[in-house]
Amino acid sequence: MKKTLFFILSSLPGVALAGFNFSYADEIVELGYSVDIKDNSYLYVGADTSNWFAVGYGHSYLFETLTRVSGYYEYSQWDNVLLGDFGVRTKSNLLDLSVTQFFKNSSVKLGAKYELIDDSGWEFEAGDKQSVYTGYSYYFENWYVSSTYTHSLRHYDDELWGDSDSDFRSNELELTLGLNRIWKVSPYIKTTAFRAHSSDIYYSWSVGGSLTW
């Protein structure tokens, strides 16, 4: 039990640990680096091969009841290619607040996100996105499974897309299968089902992992 609980509390997102994380999805490679600082806080820097770049700050507190309260802020930029080769530089400010309850071999997480999006004055993508999510994870001796369901409302502020018909809700379900630390590496494979305002469901997959010390 001690080994499993150590993995739960030290290897999950939102815990302050120094290390690298990496993922591959839809021909895009993402790399990130987290470094822990004082008072259960950490700094994050990330980038991917589609010109996305982000910096973030997170803080969490674990109560004696194994209840963890976490907050995370992230600023990011990426190139939004819209009309042929014409693109704009889009910026985002993201705030993520969550509460996680740990049990002997599992955990339950509830959270909410708010993202303010700015596209440098062109107003193709400006607006905000509000999300609520819930997750459940179960941990075995050498591997774990987890699922996360997210419901989001995307609102556009621009004149081109900004009428009520352009605002839409989406639902996303993620299923992850991962291994506990192999030396210092924790690999995983993830599949995602995404449904926006239409009746179509889009599926994707990704692989990744983290290297911590």
N, C-alpha and C. Protein backbone atom coordinates (compact mmCIF):
# COMPACT_ATOMS: atom_id res chain seq x y z
N MET A 1 0.83 -1.20 0.00
CA MET A 1 0.00 0.00 0.00
C MET A 1 0.87 1.26 0.00
N LYS A 2 1.99 1.25 0.76
CA LYS A 2 2.83 2.42 0.82
C LYS A 2 3.41 2.77 -0.55
N LYS A 3 3.81 1.74 -1.31
CA LYS A 3 4.36 1.99 -2.64
C LYS A 3 3.32 2.61 -3.55
N THR A 4 2.09 2.07 -3.52
CA THR A 4 1.03 2.60 -4.35
C THR A 4 0.66 4.01 -3.96
N LEU A 5 0.55 4.28 -2.66
CA LEU A 5 0.19 5.61 -2.21
C LEU A 5 1.26 6.62 -2.56
N PHE A 6 2.54 6.22 -2.49
CA PHE A 6 3.62 7.13 -2.87
C PHE A 6 3.50 7.51 -4.33
N PHE A 7 3.19 6.53 -5.19
CA PHE A 7 3.02 6.84 -6.60
C PHE A 7 1.84 7.77 -6.83
N ILE A 8 0.74 7.53 -6.11
CA ILE A 8 -0.44 8.38 -6.25
C ILE A 8 -0.12 9.82 -5.93
N LEU A 9 0.56 10.05 -4.82
CA LEU A 9 0.78 11.41 -4.33
C LEU A 9 1.93 12.12 -5.04
N SER A 10 2.80 11.38 -5.71
CA SER A 10 3.98 12.01 -6.28
C SER A 10 4.01 12.07 -7.80
N SER A 11 3.23 11.23 -8.49
CA SER A 11 3.37 11.11 -9.93
C SER A 11 2.20 11.65 -10.72
N LEU A 12 1.22 12.27 -10.08
CA LEU A 12 0.06 12.76 -10.79
C LEU A 12 0.18 14.22 -11.13
N PRO A 13 -0.54 14.70 -12.20
CA PRO A 13 -0.50 16.11 -12.54
C PRO A 13 -0.95 16.97 -11.37
N GLY A 14 -0.29 18.11 -11.19
CA GLY A 14 -0.65 19.01 -10.12
C GLY A 14 0.20 18.86 -8.89
N VAL A 15 1.10 17.88 -8.86
CA VAL A 15 2.01 17.70 -7.74
C VAL A 15 3.34 18.34 -8.10
N ALA A 16 3.92 19.06 -7.15
CA ALA A 16 5.18 19.76 -7.41
C ALA A 16 6.34 18.78 -7.45
N LEU A 17 6.85 18.49 -8.63
CA LEU A 17 7.99 17.62 -8.81
C LEU A 17 8.85 18.18 -9.94
N ALA A 18 10.16 18.00 -9.82
CA ALA A 18 11.05 18.39 -10.91
C ALA A 18 11.07 17.28 -11.94
N GLY A 19 10.93 17.63 -13.22
CA GLY A 19 10.99 16.60 -14.24
C GLY A 19 10.49 17.07 -15.59
N PHE A 20 10.65 16.19 -16.59
CA PHE A 20 10.19 16.43 -17.94
C PHE A 20 8.92 15.61 -18.20
N ASN A 21 8.06 16.15 -19.06
CA ASN A 21 6.95 15.36 -19.57
C ASN A 21 6.92 15.50 -21.08
N PHE A 22 6.39 14.50 -21.75
CA PHE A 22 6.38 14.48 -23.21
C PHE A 22 5.13 13.76 -23.68
N SER A 23 4.66 14.12 -24.88
CA SER A 23 3.50 13.46 -25.46
C SER A 23 3.56 13.57 -26.98
N TYR A 24 2.87 12.65 -27.64
CA TYR A 24 2.78 12.65 -29.10
C TYR A 24 1.33 12.39 -29.47
N ALA A 25 0.73 13.30 -30.27
CA ALA A 25 -0.65 13.14 -30.72
C ALA A 25 -0.83 13.90 -32.02
N ASP A 26 -1.48 13.29 -33.00
CA ASP A 26 -1.78 13.94 -34.28
C ASP A 26 -0.54 14.56 -34.92
N GLU A 27 0.56 13.84 -34.90
CA GLU A 27 1.83 14.24 -35.50
C GLU A 27 2.44 15.47 -34.82
N ILE A 28 2.02 15.74 -33.60
CA ILE A 28 2.56 16.87 -32.84
C ILE A 28 3.26 16.34 -31.59
N VAL A 29 4.49 16.79 -31.37
CA VAL A 29 5.27 16.41 -30.19
C VAL A 29 5.26 17.57 -29.21
N GLU A 30 4.91 17.29 -27.98
CA GLU A 30 4.90 18.31 -26.92
C GLU A 30 5.91 17.94 -25.84
N LEU A 31 6.68 18.91 -25.42
CA LEU A 31 7.66 18.73 -24.36
C LEU A 31 7.43 19.78 -23.28
N GLY A 32 7.62 19.38 -22.02
CA GLY A 32 7.44 20.32 -20.92
C GLY A 32 8.42 20.04 -19.80
N TYR A 33 8.68 21.06 -19.02
CA TYR A 33 9.58 20.91 -17.88
C TYR A 33 8.95 21.57 -16.67
N SER A 34 8.90 20.85 -15.55
CA SER A 34 8.37 21.37 -14.30
C SER A 34 9.48 21.36 -13.26
N VAL A 35 9.51 22.41 -12.46
CA VAL A 35 10.48 22.48 -11.38
C VAL A 35 9.75 22.90 -10.12
N ASP A 36 9.95 22.16 -9.04
CA ASP A 36 9.27 22.48 -7.80
C ASP A 36 10.00 23.61 -7.07
N ILE A 37 9.21 24.48 -6.46
CA ILE A 37 9.75 25.56 -5.66
C ILE A 37 9.13 25.46 -4.28
N LYS A 38 9.38 26.39 -3.41
CA LYS A 38 8.96 26.27 -2.02
C LYS A 38 7.44 26.27 -1.88
N ASP A 39 6.98 25.75 -0.71
CA ASP A 39 5.57 25.79 -0.32
C ASP A 39 4.67 25.05 -1.30
N ASN A 40 5.08 23.84 -1.75
CA ASN A 40 4.24 22.99 -2.59
C ASN A 40 3.84 23.67 -3.90
N SER A 41 4.72 24.46 -4.45
CA SER A 41 4.45 25.16 -5.70
C SER A 41 5.42 24.70 -6.78
N TYR A 42 5.06 24.93 -8.03
CA TYR A 42 5.94 24.55 -9.13
C TYR A 42 5.76 25.51 -10.30
N LEU A 43 6.80 25.59 -11.12
CA LEU A 43 6.78 26.35 -12.36
C LEU A 43 6.82 25.38 -13.52
N TYR A 44 6.15 25.74 -14.62
CA TYR A 44 6.08 24.87 -15.79
C TYR A 44 6.39 25.69 -17.04
N VAL A 45 7.17 25.09 -17.95
CA VAL A 45 7.45 25.66 -19.26
C VAL A 45 7.22 24.55 -20.29
N GLY A 46 6.44 24.83 -21.33
CA GLY A 46 6.13 23.82 -22.33
C GLY A 46 6.10 24.38 -23.74
N ALA A 47 6.30 23.52 -24.73
CA ALA A 47 6.25 23.91 -26.13
C ALA A 47 5.97 22.68 -26.96
N ASP A 48 5.47 22.89 -28.19
CA ASP A 48 5.28 21.75 -29.09
C ASP A 48 5.70 22.13 -30.51
N THR A 49 5.60 21.16 -31.41
CA THR A 49 6.08 21.35 -32.78
C THR A 49 5.10 22.12 -33.66
N SER A 50 3.96 22.59 -33.09
CA SER A 50 3.02 23.41 -33.86
C SER A 50 3.08 24.88 -33.43
N ASN A 51 4.23 25.27 -32.86
CA ASN A 51 4.48 26.65 -32.45
C ASN A 51 3.68 27.09 -31.23
N TRP A 52 3.27 26.15 -30.40
CA TRP A 52 2.63 26.47 -29.12
C TRP A 52 3.70 26.61 -28.05
N PHE A 53 3.52 27.59 -27.17
CA PHE A 53 4.46 27.83 -26.08
C PHE A 53 3.68 28.26 -24.85
N ALA A 54 4.07 27.77 -23.66
CA ALA A 54 3.33 28.10 -22.45
C ALA A 54 4.25 28.17 -21.25
N VAL A 55 3.88 29.03 -20.31
CA VAL A 55 4.52 29.09 -19.00
C VAL A 55 3.40 29.05 -17.96
N GLY A 56 3.63 28.36 -16.84
CA GLY A 56 2.58 28.23 -15.85
C GLY A 56 3.12 28.17 -14.44
N TYR A 57 2.22 28.40 -13.50
CA TYR A 57 2.54 28.33 -12.08
C TYR A 57 1.44 27.56 -11.37
N GLY A 58 1.81 26.58 -10.55
CA GLY A 58 0.84 25.79 -9.82
C GLY A 58 1.14 25.71 -8.35
N HIS A 59 0.10 25.54 -7.56
CA HIS A 59 0.26 25.41 -6.11
C HIS A 59 -0.78 24.42 -5.62
N SER A 60 -0.40 23.57 -4.67
CA SER A 60 -1.33 22.61 -4.11
C SER A 60 -1.07 22.44 -2.62
N TYR A 61 -2.11 22.01 -1.91
CA TYR A 61 -1.97 21.75 -0.48
C TYR A 61 -2.68 20.44 -0.16
N LEU A 62 -1.98 19.55 0.51
CA LEU A 62 -2.53 18.24 0.87
C LEU A 62 -2.87 18.23 2.36
N PHE A 63 -4.14 18.03 2.66
CA PHE A 63 -4.59 17.96 4.04
C PHE A 63 -4.32 16.56 4.62
N GLU A 64 -4.40 16.44 5.93
CA GLU A 64 -4.17 15.15 6.58
C GLU A 64 -5.21 14.12 6.19
N THR A 65 -6.37 14.56 5.71
CA THR A 65 -7.42 13.66 5.25
C THR A 65 -7.16 13.14 3.84
N LEU A 66 -5.96 13.42 3.29
CA LEU A 66 -5.60 13.07 1.92
C LEU A 66 -6.50 13.75 0.89
N THR A 67 -6.92 14.96 1.23
CA THR A 67 -7.65 15.82 0.30
C THR A 67 -6.69 16.89 -0.19
N ARG A 68 -6.55 17.01 -1.51
CA ARG A 68 -5.63 17.97 -2.09
C ARG A 68 -6.39 19.06 -2.83
N VAL A 69 -6.08 20.31 -2.51
CA VAL A 69 -6.65 21.46 -3.20
C VAL A 69 -5.55 22.06 -4.07
N SER A 70 -5.85 22.25 -5.37
CA SER A 70 -4.82 22.69 -6.31
C SER A 70 -5.31 23.87 -7.15
N GLY A 71 -4.37 24.73 -7.49
CA GLY A 71 -4.65 25.82 -8.41
C GLY A 71 -3.51 25.94 -9.41
N TYR A 72 -3.84 26.30 -10.64
CA TYR A 72 -2.82 26.40 -11.69
C TYR A 72 -3.19 27.53 -12.65
N TYR A 73 -2.20 28.38 -12.97
CA TYR A 73 -2.38 29.44 -13.96
C TYR A 73 -1.37 29.23 -15.09
N GLU A 74 -1.84 29.42 -16.33
CA GLU A 74 -0.96 29.23 -17.49
C GLU A 74 -1.22 30.31 -18.53
N TYR A 75 -0.12 30.86 -19.04
CA TYR A 75 -0.16 31.79 -20.17
C TYR A 75 0.46 31.09 -21.37
N SER A 76 -0.23 31.13 -22.51
CA SER A 76 0.28 30.43 -23.70
C SER A 76 0.04 31.25 -24.96
N GLN A 77 0.81 30.92 -26.00
CA GLN A 77 0.67 31.52 -27.32
C GLN A 77 0.80 30.44 -28.38
N TRP A 78 0.10 30.64 -29.50
CA TRP A 78 0.26 29.72 -30.62
C TRP A 78 -0.18 30.42 -31.91
N ASP A 79 0.25 29.88 -33.05
CA ASP A 79 -0.11 30.42 -34.35
C ASP A 79 -1.43 29.82 -34.79
N ASN A 80 -2.41 30.68 -35.09
CA ASN A 80 -3.72 30.23 -35.55
C ASN A 80 -3.82 30.49 -37.05
N VAL A 81 -3.63 29.48 -37.86
CA VAL A 81 -3.69 29.62 -39.32
C VAL A 81 -5.14 29.47 -39.75
N LEU A 82 -5.70 30.51 -40.39
CA LEU A 82 -7.13 30.52 -40.68
C LEU A 82 -7.42 30.56 -42.17
N LEU A 83 -7.08 31.65 -42.83
CA LEU A 83 -7.44 31.82 -44.24
C LEU A 83 -6.24 31.49 -45.11
N GLY A 84 -6.13 30.23 -45.51
CA GLY A 84 -4.98 29.81 -46.29
C GLY A 84 -3.72 29.91 -45.46
N ASP A 85 -2.76 30.68 -45.94
CA ASP A 85 -1.50 30.88 -45.22
C ASP A 85 -1.57 32.04 -44.24
N PHE A 86 -2.73 32.69 -44.17
CA PHE A 86 -2.87 33.84 -43.28
C PHE A 86 -3.12 33.36 -41.86
N GLY A 87 -2.34 33.86 -40.91
CA GLY A 87 -2.50 33.41 -39.54
C GLY A 87 -2.40 34.56 -38.56
N VAL A 88 -2.83 34.31 -37.34
CA VAL A 88 -2.75 35.30 -36.28
C VAL A 88 -2.10 34.65 -35.07
N ARG A 89 -1.54 35.48 -34.22
CA ARG A 89 -0.90 35.00 -33.01
C ARG A 89 -1.94 35.03 -31.89
N THR A 90 -2.34 33.87 -31.43
CA THR A 90 -3.38 33.76 -30.42
C THR A 90 -2.76 33.58 -29.03
N LYS A 91 -3.33 34.25 -28.04
CA LYS A 91 -2.85 34.19 -26.67
C LYS A 91 -3.96 33.67 -25.76
N SER A 92 -3.55 33.02 -24.69
CA SER A 92 -4.52 32.44 -23.77
C SER A 92 -4.06 32.61 -22.34
N ASN A 93 -5.02 32.91 -21.45
CA ASN A 93 -4.80 32.91 -20.01
C ASN A 93 -5.74 31.87 -19.41
N LEU A 94 -5.16 30.86 -18.78
CA LEU A 94 -5.94 29.72 -18.28
C LEU A 94 -5.81 29.62 -16.77
N LEU A 95 -6.95 29.44 -16.09
CA LEU A 95 -6.98 29.21 -14.65
C LEU A 95 -7.69 27.89 -14.38
N ASP A 96 -7.04 27.00 -13.62
CA ASP A 96 -7.57 25.67 -13.34
C ASP A 96 -7.57 25.46 -11.82
N LEU A 97 -8.75 25.21 -11.24
CA LEU A 97 -8.90 24.95 -9.82
C LEU A 97 -9.50 23.57 -9.63
N SER A 98 -8.97 22.78 -8.68
CA SER A 98 -9.45 21.42 -8.51
C SER A 98 -9.32 20.95 -7.07
N VAL A 99 -10.10 19.93 -6.73
CA VAL A 99 -10.04 19.25 -5.44
C VAL A 99 -9.95 17.76 -5.72
N THR A 100 -8.98 17.08 -5.12
CA THR A 100 -8.78 15.65 -5.30
C THR A 100 -8.84 14.95 -3.95
N GLN A 101 -9.62 13.88 -3.89
CA GLN A 101 -9.68 13.06 -2.68
C GLN A 101 -9.01 11.72 -2.97
N PHE A 102 -7.99 11.39 -2.19
CA PHE A 102 -7.25 10.14 -2.35
C PHE A 102 -7.78 9.09 -1.38
N PHE A 103 -7.85 7.87 -1.89
CA PHE A 103 -8.21 6.72 -1.08
C PHE A 103 -7.05 5.73 -1.11
N LYS A 104 -7.25 4.53 -0.58
CA LYS A 104 -6.17 3.57 -0.48
C LYS A 104 -5.58 3.24 -1.84
N ASN A 105 -6.42 2.96 -2.83
CA ASN A 105 -5.94 2.59 -4.17
C ASN A 105 -6.60 3.39 -5.28
N SER A 106 -7.20 4.52 -4.96
CA SER A 106 -7.92 5.27 -5.99
C SER A 106 -7.99 6.74 -5.61
N SER A 107 -8.53 7.54 -6.51
CA SER A 107 -8.73 8.96 -6.25
C SER A 107 -9.89 9.47 -7.10
N VAL A 108 -10.54 10.52 -6.61
CA VAL A 108 -11.62 11.20 -7.31
C VAL A 108 -11.27 12.68 -7.38
N LYS A 109 -11.46 13.27 -8.55
CA LYS A 109 -11.07 14.67 -8.75
C LYS A 109 -12.23 15.46 -9.35
N LEU A 110 -12.46 16.67 -8.83
CA LEU A 110 -13.43 17.61 -9.37
C LEU A 110 -12.72 18.92 -9.64
N GLY A 111 -13.04 19.55 -10.78
CA GLY A 111 -12.34 20.78 -11.11
C GLY A 111 -13.12 21.67 -12.05
N ALA A 112 -12.62 22.89 -12.21
CA ALA A 112 -13.20 23.87 -13.13
C ALA A 112 -12.08 24.67 -13.77
N LYS A 113 -12.28 25.03 -15.04
CA LYS A 113 -11.29 25.82 -15.78
C LYS A 113 -11.96 27.05 -16.40
N TYR A 114 -11.20 28.13 -16.46
CA TYR A 114 -11.64 29.32 -17.19
C TYR A 114 -10.48 29.78 -18.06
N GLU A 115 -10.76 29.94 -19.36
CA GLU A 115 -9.72 30.34 -20.31
C GLU A 115 -10.16 31.58 -21.07
N LEU A 116 -9.35 32.63 -21.00
CA LEU A 116 -9.60 33.87 -21.73
C LEU A 116 -8.69 33.90 -22.95
N ILE A 117 -9.27 34.01 -24.14
CA ILE A 117 -8.53 33.86 -25.39
C ILE A 117 -8.51 35.18 -26.14
N ASP A 118 -7.33 35.58 -26.61
CA ASP A 118 -7.13 36.83 -27.35
C ASP A 118 -6.31 36.53 -28.59
N ASP A 119 -6.78 37.01 -29.76
CA ASP A 119 -6.05 36.74 -30.99
C ASP A 119 -5.43 38.00 -31.58
N SER A 120 -4.93 38.86 -30.71
CA SER A 120 -4.14 40.03 -31.11
C SER A 120 -4.90 41.00 -32.00
N GLY A 121 -6.20 41.14 -31.81
CA GLY A 121 -6.97 42.15 -32.50
C GLY A 121 -7.70 41.71 -33.74
N TRP A 122 -7.36 40.54 -34.30
CA TRP A 122 -8.06 40.09 -35.51
C TRP A 122 -9.44 39.54 -35.20
N GLU A 123 -9.69 39.12 -33.98
CA GLU A 123 -11.00 38.71 -33.49
C GLU A 123 -11.60 37.55 -34.27
N PHE A 124 -10.77 36.60 -34.66
CA PHE A 124 -11.31 35.37 -35.22
C PHE A 124 -11.62 34.36 -34.11
N GLU A 125 -10.82 34.38 -33.04
CA GLU A 125 -10.96 33.39 -31.99
C GLU A 125 -11.14 33.99 -30.60
N ALA A 126 -11.23 35.32 -30.49
CA ALA A 126 -11.31 35.96 -29.18
C ALA A 126 -12.58 35.54 -28.45
N GLY A 127 -12.46 35.42 -27.14
CA GLY A 127 -13.60 35.02 -26.33
C GLY A 127 -13.12 34.29 -25.10
N ASP A 128 -13.97 33.43 -24.58
CA ASP A 128 -13.57 32.65 -23.41
C ASP A 128 -14.13 31.25 -23.48
N LYS A 129 -13.60 30.39 -22.62
CA LYS A 129 -14.03 29.01 -22.55
C LYS A 129 -14.14 28.61 -21.09
N GLN A 130 -15.29 28.08 -20.71
CA GLN A 130 -15.53 27.66 -19.34
C GLN A 130 -15.76 26.15 -19.32
N SER A 131 -15.09 25.46 -18.40
CA SER A 131 -15.17 24.00 -18.36
C SER A 131 -15.30 23.51 -16.92
N VAL A 132 -16.03 22.43 -16.77
CA VAL A 132 -16.06 21.69 -15.51
C VAL A 132 -15.69 20.24 -15.83
N TYR A 133 -14.98 19.58 -14.92
CA TYR A 133 -14.56 18.22 -15.21
C TYR A 133 -14.52 17.39 -13.94
N THR A 134 -14.59 16.09 -14.13
CA THR A 134 -14.50 15.14 -13.04
C THR A 134 -13.67 13.95 -13.50
N GLY A 135 -12.89 13.39 -12.61
CA GLY A 135 -12.03 12.28 -12.97
C GLY A 135 -11.98 11.22 -11.88
N TYR A 136 -11.69 10.01 -12.32
CA TYR A 136 -11.54 8.89 -11.38
C TYR A 136 -10.33 8.07 -11.80
N SER A 137 -9.50 7.69 -10.84
CA SER A 137 -8.32 6.89 -11.12
C SER A 137 -8.25 5.72 -10.14
N TYR A 138 -7.78 4.59 -10.66
CA TYR A 138 -7.56 3.42 -9.81
C TYR A 138 -6.13 2.93 -10.03
N TYR A 139 -5.43 2.63 -8.93
CA TYR A 139 -4.01 2.32 -8.98
C TYR A 139 -3.75 0.89 -8.54
N PHE A 140 -3.09 0.15 -9.41
CA PHE A 140 -2.66 -1.20 -9.09
C PHE A 140 -1.19 -1.14 -8.67
N GLU A 141 -0.59 -2.28 -8.46
CA GLU A 141 0.78 -2.31 -7.98
C GLU A 141 1.75 -1.70 -8.97
N ASN A 142 1.57 -2.00 -10.26
CA ASN A 142 2.53 -1.53 -11.26
C ASN A 142 1.89 -0.71 -12.38
N TRP A 143 0.59 -0.48 -12.35
CA TRP A 143 -0.05 0.29 -13.40
C TRP A 143 -1.33 0.93 -12.85
N TYR A 144 -1.92 1.81 -13.65
CA TYR A 144 -3.14 2.50 -13.24
C TYR A 144 -4.03 2.77 -14.44
N VAL A 145 -5.31 3.00 -14.18
CA VAL A 145 -6.27 3.41 -15.19
C VAL A 145 -6.99 4.65 -14.66
N SER A 146 -7.33 5.54 -15.57
CA SER A 146 -8.04 6.74 -15.15
C SER A 146 -8.96 7.21 -16.27
N SER A 147 -9.99 7.96 -15.89
CA SER A 147 -10.93 8.54 -16.84
C SER A 147 -11.26 9.95 -16.40
N THR A 148 -11.46 10.83 -17.38
CA THR A 148 -11.82 12.22 -17.11
C THR A 148 -12.91 12.65 -18.08
N TYR A 149 -13.99 13.21 -17.52
CA TYR A 149 -15.08 13.74 -18.34
C TYR A 149 -15.11 15.26 -18.19
N THR A 150 -15.14 15.97 -19.34
CA THR A 150 -15.12 17.44 -19.34
C THR A 150 -16.29 17.98 -20.15
N HIS A 151 -17.00 18.94 -19.57
CA HIS A 151 -18.06 19.65 -20.30
C HIS A 151 -17.65 21.11 -20.42
N SER A 152 -17.68 21.66 -21.65
CA SER A 152 -17.17 23.00 -21.89
C SER A 152 -18.18 23.86 -22.64
N LEU A 153 -18.13 25.17 -22.38
CA LEU A 153 -18.90 26.16 -23.12
C LEU A 153 -17.92 27.16 -23.71
N ARG A 154 -17.92 27.27 -25.04
CA ARG A 154 -17.00 28.18 -25.76
C ARG A 154 -17.79 29.37 -26.27
N HIS A 155 -17.34 30.57 -25.94
CA HIS A 155 -18.01 31.81 -26.32
C HIS A 155 -17.07 32.67 -27.14
N TYR A 156 -17.58 33.20 -28.29
CA TYR A 156 -16.79 34.07 -29.15
C TYR A 156 -17.25 35.51 -28.98
N ASP A 157 -16.27 36.43 -28.90
CA ASP A 157 -16.59 37.85 -28.71
C ASP A 157 -16.54 38.67 -30.00
N ASP A 158 -16.13 38.10 -31.09
CA ASP A 158 -15.91 38.89 -32.30
C ASP A 158 -17.20 39.07 -33.10
N GLU A 159 -17.18 40.02 -34.03
CA GLU A 159 -18.34 40.31 -34.84
C GLU A 159 -18.58 39.26 -35.92
N LEU A 160 -17.50 38.62 -36.38
CA LEU A 160 -17.64 37.65 -37.47
C LEU A 160 -18.34 36.38 -37.00
N TRP A 161 -17.92 35.85 -35.81
CA TRP A 161 -18.49 34.60 -35.32
C TRP A 161 -19.31 34.81 -34.03
N GLY A 162 -19.50 36.06 -33.64
CA GLY A 162 -19.95 36.31 -32.28
C GLY A 162 -21.43 36.25 -31.99
N ASP A 163 -22.30 35.84 -32.93
CA ASP A 163 -23.70 35.72 -32.57
C ASP A 163 -23.92 34.47 -31.73
N SER A 164 -25.13 34.32 -31.23
CA SER A 164 -25.42 33.23 -30.30
C SER A 164 -25.26 31.86 -30.94
N ASP A 165 -25.43 31.79 -32.28
CA ASP A 165 -25.30 30.50 -32.95
C ASP A 165 -23.86 30.00 -32.96
N SER A 166 -22.89 30.90 -32.78
CA SER A 166 -21.50 30.49 -32.85
C SER A 166 -20.99 29.94 -31.52
N ASP A 167 -21.68 30.25 -30.41
CA ASP A 167 -21.28 29.71 -29.12
C ASP A 167 -21.69 28.24 -29.09
N PHE A 168 -20.81 27.38 -28.58
CA PHE A 168 -21.17 25.97 -28.58
C PHE A 168 -20.64 25.27 -27.35
N ARG A 169 -21.30 24.18 -27.02
CA ARG A 169 -20.90 23.33 -25.91
C ARG A 169 -20.20 22.09 -26.48
N SER A 170 -19.33 21.52 -25.69
CA SER A 170 -18.64 20.31 -26.11
C SER A 170 -18.48 19.38 -24.92
N ASN A 171 -18.35 18.10 -25.22
CA ASN A 171 -18.14 17.08 -24.21
C ASN A 171 -16.94 16.23 -24.61
N GLU A 172 -16.12 15.90 -23.64
CA GLU A 172 -14.89 15.15 -23.92
C GLU A 172 -14.69 14.08 -22.85
N LEU A 173 -14.36 12.88 -23.30
CA LEU A 173 -14.07 11.77 -22.40
C LEU A 173 -12.69 11.23 -22.70
N GLU A 174 -11.83 11.19 -21.68
CA GLU A 174 -10.48 10.67 -21.82
C GLU A 174 -10.31 9.40 -21.00
N LEU A 175 -9.69 8.40 -21.59
CA LEU A 175 -9.36 7.16 -20.90
C LEU A 175 -7.85 6.94 -20.99
N THR A 176 -7.21 6.71 -19.85
CA THR A 176 -5.75 6.60 -19.82
C THR A 176 -5.33 5.31 -19.14
N LEU A 177 -4.36 4.65 -19.75
CA LEU A 177 -3.73 3.47 -19.16
C LEU A 177 -2.25 3.77 -19.01
N GLY A 178 -1.74 3.69 -17.79
CA GLY A 178 -0.35 4.04 -17.56
C GLY A 178 0.36 3.07 -16.65
N LEU A 179 1.67 3.14 -16.66
CA LEU A 179 2.50 2.31 -15.81
C LEU A 179 3.11 3.15 -14.71
N ASN A 180 3.22 2.55 -13.52
CA ASN A 180 3.96 3.21 -12.45
C ASN A 180 5.42 3.33 -12.85
N ARG A 181 6.18 3.99 -12.08
CA ARG A 181 7.54 4.30 -12.47
C ARG A 181 8.37 3.08 -12.84
N ILE A 182 8.94 3.15 -14.06
CA ILE A 182 9.95 2.20 -14.49
C ILE A 182 11.27 2.96 -14.43
N TRP A 183 12.03 2.69 -13.39
CA TRP A 183 13.14 3.56 -13.01
C TRP A 183 12.55 4.91 -12.66
N LYS A 184 12.70 5.93 -13.48
CA LYS A 184 12.13 7.24 -13.18
C LYS A 184 11.13 7.68 -14.23
N VAL A 185 10.73 6.77 -15.12
CA VAL A 185 9.83 7.08 -16.22
C VAL A 185 8.45 6.49 -15.97
N SER A 186 7.40 7.28 -16.24
CA SER A 186 6.02 6.83 -16.10
C SER A 186 5.31 7.00 -17.44
N PRO A 187 5.28 5.96 -18.30
CA PRO A 187 4.65 6.09 -19.62
C PRO A 187 3.14 5.86 -19.54
N TYR A 188 2.43 6.35 -20.57
CA TYR A 188 0.98 6.14 -20.63
C TYR A 188 0.53 6.14 -22.09
N ILE A 189 -0.68 5.62 -22.30
CA ILE A 189 -1.37 5.74 -23.58
C ILE A 189 -2.78 6.22 -23.30
N LYS A 190 -3.28 7.15 -24.11
CA LYS A 190 -4.56 7.79 -23.84
C LYS A 190 -5.42 7.82 -25.10
N THR A 191 -6.72 7.59 -24.94
CA THR A 191 -7.66 7.74 -26.04
C THR A 191 -8.72 8.75 -25.63
N THR A 192 -9.18 9.57 -26.60
CA THR A 192 -10.11 10.65 -26.31
C THR A 192 -11.28 10.61 -27.28
N ALA A 193 -12.49 10.78 -26.75
CA ALA A 193 -13.70 10.93 -27.56
C ALA A 193 -14.22 12.34 -27.35
N PHE A 194 -14.39 13.10 -28.45
CA PHE A 194 -14.78 14.51 -28.36
C PHE A 194 -16.03 14.73 -29.20
N ARG A 195 -17.01 15.42 -28.59
CA ARG A 195 -18.25 15.75 -29.30
C ARG A 195 -18.55 17.22 -29.09
N ALA A 196 -18.66 17.99 -30.18
CA ALA A 196 -18.98 19.41 -30.10
C ALA A 196 -20.48 19.60 -30.29
N HIS A 197 -20.90 20.72 -30.86
CA HIS A 197 -22.32 21.03 -30.99
C HIS A 197 -23.03 20.11 -31.98
N SER A 198 -22.27 19.48 -32.87
CA SER A 198 -22.89 18.57 -33.83
C SER A 198 -23.04 17.19 -33.21
N SER A 199 -23.60 16.29 -33.96
CA SER A 199 -23.79 14.92 -33.47
C SER A 199 -22.57 14.04 -33.72
N ASP A 200 -21.56 14.57 -34.41
CA ASP A 200 -20.38 13.79 -34.73
C ASP A 200 -19.48 13.65 -33.51
N ILE A 201 -18.88 12.47 -33.37
CA ILE A 201 -17.93 12.20 -32.30
C ILE A 201 -16.57 11.95 -32.94
N TYR A 202 -15.56 12.64 -32.46
CA TYR A 202 -14.22 12.51 -32.98
C TYR A 202 -13.34 11.77 -31.96
N TYR A 203 -12.56 10.84 -32.48
CA TYR A 203 -11.70 10.04 -31.61
C TYR A 203 -10.23 10.35 -31.94
N SER A 204 -9.42 10.34 -30.90
CA SER A 204 -7.99 10.55 -31.08
C SER A 204 -7.25 9.75 -30.01
N TRP A 205 -5.94 9.65 -30.18
CA TRP A 205 -5.14 8.94 -29.22
C TRP A 205 -3.81 9.67 -29.05
N SER A 206 -3.15 9.38 -27.96
CA SER A 206 -1.85 9.99 -27.70
C SER A 206 -1.04 9.05 -26.81
N VAL A 207 0.27 9.19 -26.89
CA VAL A 207 1.17 8.46 -26.00
C VAL A 207 2.11 9.49 -25.37
N GLY A 208 2.58 9.17 -24.18
CA GLY A 208 3.47 10.10 -23.51
C GLY A 208 3.99 9.54 -22.22
N GLY A 209 4.51 10.42 -21.41
CA GLY A 209 5.06 9.97 -20.13
C GLY A 209 5.76 11.11 -19.42
N SER A 210 6.33 10.80 -18.28
CA SER A 210 7.06 11.80 -17.50
C SER A 210 8.35 11.18 -16.96
N LEU A 211 9.33 12.02 -16.85
CA LEU A 211 10.61 11.64 -16.25
C LEU A 211 10.82 12.53 -15.04
N THR A 212 10.76 11.96 -13.85
CA THR A 212 10.84 12.75 -12.61
C THR A 212 12.00 12.29 -11.75
N TRP A 213 12.44 13.19 -10.89
CA TRP A 213 13.50 12.85 -9.95
C TRP A 213 13.32 13.67 -8.68
